[in-house]
Amino acid sequence: MAKRVNRGPEIFDPHNVHSEYSRQEWLEALPSAARRRRNRKNQPKYSLRILMLDILLLCIIGGVIFPFVIKRNSRGSLGEIRCSLTPRYSREYVFITLEMRNSPKGQAPEPVEIQISGSGRVIAQLRDLSPLPGKSRTWHTKIPRPEKNLAIYAIIKRGSDSLKLNIRVSGQTSR
């Protein structure tokens, strides 16, 4: 076995390794930076700091970046026809308005099917004609104001084309 260089006050014996100093002496012999590292009982651990930074980054992404990237799809178009879905609030009801505008050079009226739904149930289902070129057509429906926020969807079908619009309806406020 190779000889081991003795670098400290310990005595090297391959069969019986022991030290001739106490833990307090050993801690005092450490450089001051290492001593500070060992006395961090009340400070958060390094891995917890990284975890907290990860959570903070997720909150920033969810609260700041996400709303700008994922927008509500309350407007869209079916060829030359522009559609919009908007809510208006009263104390007890939410009035949902679907408006379709045909461009002046748009197509002649065609049959359209409109289905407005929310929370897994159909609120309104309509069959009508699309607006004349250069004109608009508006449909209104009314629902009781929900207790909590609710997503409302409108599916508009014209021939083989379809469009899905969505809005968020805010729940009742405590007054």
C-alpha atoms as a PDB file:
ATOM      1  CA  MET A   1       0.000   0.000   0.000  1.00  0.00           C
ATOM      2  CA  ALA A   2       1.277   3.457  -0.888  1.00  0.00           C
ATOM      3  CA  LYS A   3       2.340   5.694   1.907  1.00  0.00           C
ATOM      4  CA  ARG A   4      -0.102   8.431   2.706  1.00  0.00           C
ATOM      5  CA  VAL A   5       1.105  11.947   3.343  1.00  0.00           C
ATOM      6  CA  ASN A   6      -0.062  13.236   6.677  1.00  0.00           C
ATOM      7  CA  ARG A   7      -1.433  16.761   6.152  1.00  0.00           C
ATOM      8  CA  GLY A   8      -2.965  17.423   9.511  1.00  0.00           C
ATOM      9  CA  PRO A   9      -2.963  16.530  13.169  1.00  0.00           C
ATOM     10  CA  GLU A  10      -4.604  13.178  12.544  1.00  0.00           C
ATOM     11  CA  ILE A  11      -2.614   9.999  12.938  1.00  0.00           C
ATOM     12  CA  PHE A  12      -2.791   7.622   9.986  1.00  0.00           C
ATOM     13  CA  ASP A  13      -3.200   3.997  10.823  1.00  0.00           C
ATOM     14  CA  PRO A  14      -4.827   1.893   8.065  1.00  0.00           C
ATOM     15  CA  HIS A  15      -6.594  -0.276  10.658  1.00  0.00           C
ATOM     16  CA  ASN A  16      -7.595   2.359  13.180  1.00  0.00           C
ATOM     17  CA  VAL A  17      -8.293   5.828  11.810  1.00  0.00           C
ATOM     18  CA  HIS A  18      -8.998   8.439  14.441  1.00  0.00           C
ATOM     19  CA  SER A  19      -8.296  12.083  15.091  1.00  0.00           C
ATOM     20  CA  GLU A  20      -6.628  13.800  17.995  1.00  0.00           C
ATOM     21  CA  TYR A  21      -8.713  16.970  17.918  1.00  0.00           C
ATOM     22  CA  SER A  22     -12.285  17.885  18.675  1.00  0.00           C
ATOM     23  CA  ARG A  23     -14.920  19.109  16.239  1.00  0.00           C
ATOM     24  CA  GLN A  24     -14.625  22.604  17.688  1.00  0.00           C
ATOM     25  CA  GLU A  25     -10.896  22.668  16.918  1.00  0.00           C
ATOM     26  CA  TRP A  26     -11.592  21.394  13.418  1.00  0.00           C
ATOM     27  CA  LEU A  27     -14.190  24.132  12.775  1.00  0.00           C
ATOM     28  CA  GLU A  28     -11.802  26.796  14.065  1.00  0.00           C
ATOM     29  CA  ALA A  29      -9.117  25.554  11.690  1.00  0.00           C
ATOM     30  CA  LEU A  30     -11.419  26.036   8.671  1.00  0.00           C
ATOM     31  CA  PRO A  31     -11.104  29.247   6.646  1.00  0.00           C
ATOM     32  CA  SER A  32     -13.707  31.859   7.541  1.00  0.00           C
ATOM     33  CA  ALA A  33     -15.685  31.384   4.275  1.00  0.00           C
ATOM     34  CA  ALA A  34     -16.122  27.660   4.923  1.00  0.00           C
ATOM     35  CA  ARG A  35     -17.086  28.396   8.515  1.00  0.00           C
ATOM     36  CA  ARG A  36     -19.818  30.777   7.314  1.00  0.00           C
ATOM     37  CA  ARG A  37     -21.116  28.140   4.904  1.00  0.00           C
ATOM     38  CA  ARG A  38     -21.422  25.618   7.715  1.00  0.00           C
ATOM     39  CA  ASN A  39     -23.332  28.012  10.020  1.00  0.00           C
ATOM     40  CA  ARG A  40     -26.297  28.659   7.643  1.00  0.00           C
ATOM     41  CA  LYS A  41     -28.943  26.833   9.637  1.00  0.00           C
ATOM     42  CA  ASN A  42     -31.539  29.631   9.470  1.00  0.00           C
ATOM     43  CA  GLN A  43     -30.918  30.555   5.827  1.00  0.00           C
ATOM     44  CA  PRO A  44     -32.844  28.895   2.975  1.00  0.00           C
ATOM     45  CA  LYS A  45     -31.076  26.178   1.108  1.00  0.00           C
ATOM     46  CA  TYR A  46     -29.654  26.828  -2.356  1.00  0.00           C
ATOM     47  CA  SER A  47     -32.013  24.308  -3.958  1.00  0.00           C
ATOM     48  CA  LEU A  48     -35.008  26.097  -2.381  1.00  0.00           C
ATOM     49  CA  ARG A  49     -33.801  29.373  -3.874  1.00  0.00           C
ATOM     50  CA  ILE A  50     -33.698  27.793  -7.330  1.00  0.00           C
ATOM     51  CA  LEU A  51     -37.183  26.360  -6.786  1.00  0.00           C
ATOM     52  CA  MET A  52     -38.502  29.783  -5.748  1.00  0.00           C
ATOM     53  CA  LEU A  53     -36.932  31.396  -8.837  1.00  0.00           C
ATOM     54  CA  ASP A  54     -38.585  28.725 -11.027  1.00  0.00           C
ATOM     55  CA  ILE A  55     -41.969  29.425  -9.449  1.00  0.00           C
ATOM     56  CA  LEU A  56     -41.459  33.168  -9.913  1.00  0.00           C
ATOM     57  CA  LEU A  57     -40.588  32.638 -13.577  1.00  0.00           C
ATOM     58  CA  LEU A  58     -43.744  30.544 -14.098  1.00  0.00           C
ATOM     59  CA  CYS A  59     -45.838  33.277 -12.454  1.00  0.00           C
ATOM     60  CA  ILE A  60     -44.321  35.887 -14.766  1.00  0.00           C
ATOM     61  CA  ILE A  61     -45.030  33.728 -17.808  1.00  0.00           C
ATOM     62  CA  GLY A  62     -48.586  32.967 -16.651  1.00  0.00           C
ATOM     63  CA  GLY A  63     -49.470  36.480 -15.588  1.00  0.00           C
ATOM     64  CA  VAL A  64     -47.677  38.715 -18.061  1.00  0.00           C
ATOM     65  CA  ILE A  65     -46.715  36.878 -21.224  1.00  0.00           C
ATOM     66  CA  PHE A  66     -49.561  34.346 -21.526  1.00  0.00           C
ATOM     67  CA  PRO A  67     -52.451  36.879 -21.757  1.00  0.00           C
ATOM     68  CA  PHE A  68     -50.689  38.695 -24.620  1.00  0.00           C
ATOM     69  CA  VAL A  69     -49.962  35.512 -26.555  1.00  0.00           C
ATOM     70  CA  ILE A  70     -53.310  33.761 -26.035  1.00  0.00           C
ATOM     71  CA  LYS A  71     -56.029  36.234 -26.947  1.00  0.00           C
ATOM     72  CA  ARG A  72     -59.751  35.811 -26.719  1.00  0.00           C
ATOM     73  CA  ASN A  73     -61.146  34.832 -30.069  1.00  0.00           C
ATOM     74  CA  SER A  74     -64.131  37.193 -29.985  1.00  0.00           C
ATOM     75  CA  ARG A  75     -63.727  38.274 -33.625  1.00  0.00           C
ATOM     76  CA  GLY A  76     -63.235  36.343 -36.820  1.00  0.00           C
ATOM     77  CA  SER A  77     -64.292  36.081 -40.426  1.00  0.00           C
ATOM     78  CA  LEU A  78     -66.041  33.635 -42.711  1.00  0.00           C
ATOM     79  CA  GLY A  79     -64.811  34.681 -46.132  1.00  0.00           C
ATOM     80  CA  GLU A  80     -66.087  38.236 -46.677  1.00  0.00           C
ATOM     81  CA  ILE A  81     -68.243  38.208 -43.532  1.00  0.00           C
ATOM     82  CA  ARG A  82     -66.727  39.577 -40.310  1.00  0.00           C
ATOM     83  CA  CYS A  83     -68.217  38.245 -37.065  1.00  0.00           C
ATOM     84  CA  SER A  84     -67.946  39.486 -33.482  1.00  0.00           C
ATOM     85  CA  LEU A  85     -69.238  38.148 -30.167  1.00  0.00           C
ATOM     86  CA  THR A  86     -69.628  40.597 -27.271  1.00  0.00           C
ATOM     87  CA  PRO A  87     -71.133  40.463 -23.763  1.00  0.00           C
ATOM     88  CA  ARG A  88     -73.012  43.270 -22.024  1.00  0.00           C
ATOM     89  CA  TYR A  89     -73.853  43.095 -18.342  1.00  0.00           C
ATOM     90  CA  SER A  90     -76.765  44.068 -16.157  1.00  0.00           C
ATOM     91  CA  ARG A  91     -77.211  43.206 -12.515  1.00  0.00           C
ATOM     92  CA  GLU A  92     -79.095  39.924 -13.144  1.00  0.00           C
ATOM     93  CA  TYR A  93     -78.390  39.122 -16.815  1.00  0.00           C
ATOM     94  CA  VAL A  94     -75.666  38.918 -19.412  1.00  0.00           C
ATOM     95  CA  PHE A  95     -76.703  39.963 -22.907  1.00  0.00           C
ATOM     96  CA  ILE A  96     -74.672  38.222 -25.598  1.00  0.00           C
ATOM     97  CA  THR A  97     -74.551  39.869 -29.013  1.00  0.00           C
ATOM     98  CA  LEU A  98     -73.386  38.214 -32.218  1.00  0.00           C
ATOM     99  CA  GLU A  99     -72.876  40.591 -35.116  1.00  0.00           C
ATOM    100  CA  MET A 100     -72.127  39.634 -38.723  1.00  0.00           C
ATOM    101  CA  ARG A 101     -71.000  42.287 -41.249  1.00  0.00           C
ATOM    102  CA  ASN A 102     -70.765  41.533 -44.943  1.00  0.00           C
ATOM    103  CA  SER A 103     -68.334  43.602 -47.022  1.00  0.00           C
ATOM    104  CA  PRO A 104     -69.787  45.751 -49.851  1.00  0.00           C
ATOM    105  CA  LYS A 105     -68.341  43.332 -52.396  1.00  0.00           C
ATOM    106  CA  GLY A 106     -69.368  40.291 -50.361  1.00  0.00           C
ATOM    107  CA  GLN A 107     -71.344  37.259 -51.358  1.00  0.00           C
ATOM    108  CA  ALA A 108     -75.098  36.996 -51.629  1.00  0.00           C
ATOM    109  CA  PRO A 109     -76.934  35.794 -48.511  1.00  0.00           C
ATOM    110  CA  GLU A 110     -76.469  32.139 -47.670  1.00  0.00           C
ATOM    111  CA  PRO A 111     -77.970  30.038 -44.896  1.00  0.00           C
ATOM    112  CA  VAL A 112     -75.952  30.118 -41.653  1.00  0.00           C
ATOM    113  CA  GLU A 113     -76.266  27.986 -38.536  1.00  0.00           C
ATOM    114  CA  ILE A 114     -75.315  29.576 -35.225  1.00  0.00           C
ATOM    115  CA  GLN A 115     -74.932  27.717 -31.949  1.00  0.00           C
ATOM    116  CA  ILE A 116     -74.107  29.639 -28.763  1.00  0.00           C
ATOM    117  CA  SER A 117     -73.137  27.472 -25.807  1.00  0.00           C
ATOM    118  CA  GLY A 118     -71.592  27.757 -22.381  1.00  0.00           C
ATOM    119  CA  SER A 119     -70.686  25.374 -19.555  1.00  0.00           C
ATOM    120  CA  GLY A 120     -71.584  22.332 -21.635  1.00  0.00           C
ATOM    121  CA  ARG A 121     -75.121  23.386 -22.546  1.00  0.00           C
ATOM    122  CA  VAL A 122     -76.578  25.054 -25.617  1.00  0.00           C
ATOM    123  CA  ILE A 123     -77.823  28.577 -24.873  1.00  0.00           C
ATOM    124  CA  ALA A 124     -79.198  29.413 -28.315  1.00  0.00           C
ATOM    125  CA  GLN A 125     -79.372  27.742 -31.699  1.00  0.00           C
ATOM    126  CA  LEU A 126     -80.329  29.759 -34.791  1.00  0.00           C
ATOM    127  CA  ARG A 127     -80.749  29.204 -38.523  1.00  0.00           C
ATOM    128  CA  ASP A 128     -80.851  32.327 -40.620  1.00  0.00           C
ATOM    129  CA  LEU A 129     -79.401  33.998 -43.699  1.00  0.00           C
ATOM    130  CA  SER A 130     -76.096  35.825 -43.735  1.00  0.00           C
ATOM    131  CA  PRO A 131     -76.368  39.619 -44.247  1.00  0.00           C
ATOM    132  CA  LEU A 132     -76.665  41.282 -47.651  1.00  0.00           C
ATOM    133  CA  PRO A 133     -73.484  42.784 -49.167  1.00  0.00           C
ATOM    134  CA  GLY A 134     -72.594  45.999 -47.323  1.00  0.00           C
ATOM    135  CA  LYS A 135     -75.064  45.284 -44.498  1.00  0.00           C
ATOM    136  CA  SER A 136     -74.888  43.774 -41.024  1.00  0.00           C
ATOM    137  CA  ARG A 137     -77.090  41.466 -39.020  1.00  0.00           C
ATOM    138  CA  THR A 138     -77.203  41.173 -35.224  1.00  0.00           C
ATOM    139  CA  TRP A 139     -78.547  38.433 -32.957  1.00  0.00           C
ATOM    140  CA  HIS A 140     -79.077  38.859 -29.220  1.00  0.00           C
ATOM    141  CA  THR A 141     -79.532  36.317 -26.463  1.00  0.00           C
ATOM    142  CA  LYS A 142     -79.835  36.699 -22.703  1.00  0.00           C
ATOM    143  CA  ILE A 143     -78.602  34.413 -19.912  1.00  0.00           C
ATOM    144  CA  PRO A 144     -78.763  34.776 -16.122  1.00  0.00           C
ATOM    145  CA  ARG A 145     -75.549  36.182 -14.742  1.00  0.00           C
ATOM    146  CA  PRO A 146     -73.437  33.190 -13.588  1.00  0.00           C
ATOM    147  CA  GLU A 147     -72.060  32.820 -10.065  1.00  0.00           C
ATOM    148  CA  LYS A 148     -68.492  32.447 -11.375  1.00  0.00           C
ATOM    149  CA  ASN A 149     -66.678  33.193 -14.640  1.00  0.00           C
ATOM    150  CA  LEU A 150     -68.013  31.335 -17.646  1.00  0.00           C
ATOM    151  CA  ALA A 151     -66.688  30.732 -21.176  1.00  0.00           C
ATOM    152  CA  ILE A 152     -69.233  31.302 -23.958  1.00  0.00           C
ATOM    153  CA  TYR A 153     -68.688  29.792 -27.406  1.00  0.00           C
ATOM    154  CA  ALA A 154     -70.386  30.613 -30.704  1.00  0.00           C
ATOM    155  CA  ILE A 155     -70.011  28.202 -33.614  1.00  0.00           C
ATOM    156  CA  ILE A 156     -71.040  29.721 -36.931  1.00  0.00           C
ATOM    157  CA  LYS A 157     -71.396  27.455 -39.989  1.00  0.00           C
ATOM    158  CA  ARG A 158     -71.919  28.720 -43.525  1.00  0.00           C
ATOM    159  CA  GLY A 159     -71.816  25.999 -46.148  1.00  0.00           C
ATOM    160  CA  SER A 160     -68.607  24.035 -45.551  1.00  0.00           C
ATOM    161  CA  ASP A 161     -66.922  26.913 -43.645  1.00  0.00           C
ATOM    162  CA  SER A 162     -67.140  27.216 -39.886  1.00  0.00           C
ATOM    163  CA  LEU A 163     -65.909  29.682 -37.294  1.00  0.00           C
ATOM    164  CA  LYS A 164     -65.643  29.344 -33.524  1.00  0.00           C
ATOM    165  CA  LEU A 165     -65.692  32.483 -31.383  1.00  0.00           C
ATOM    166  CA  ASN A 166     -65.287  32.615 -27.612  1.00  0.00           C
ATOM    167  CA  ILE A 167     -65.605  35.154 -24.827  1.00  0.00           C
ATOM    168  CA  ARG A 168     -65.303  35.085 -21.050  1.00  0.00           C
ATOM    169  CA  VAL A 169     -68.326  36.206 -19.069  1.00  0.00           C
ATOM    170  CA  SER A 170     -67.484  37.422 -15.583  1.00  0.00           C
ATOM    171  CA  GLY A 171     -69.508  36.152 -12.659  1.00  0.00           C
ATOM    172  CA  GLN A 172     -71.613  38.098 -10.204  1.00  0.00           C
ATOM    173  CA  THR A 173     -69.891  40.710  -8.126  1.00  0.00           C
ATOM    174  CA  SER A 174     -70.681  41.073  -4.450  1.00  0.00           C
ATOM    175  CA  ARG A 175     -72.520  44.376  -3.915  1.00  0.00           C
END
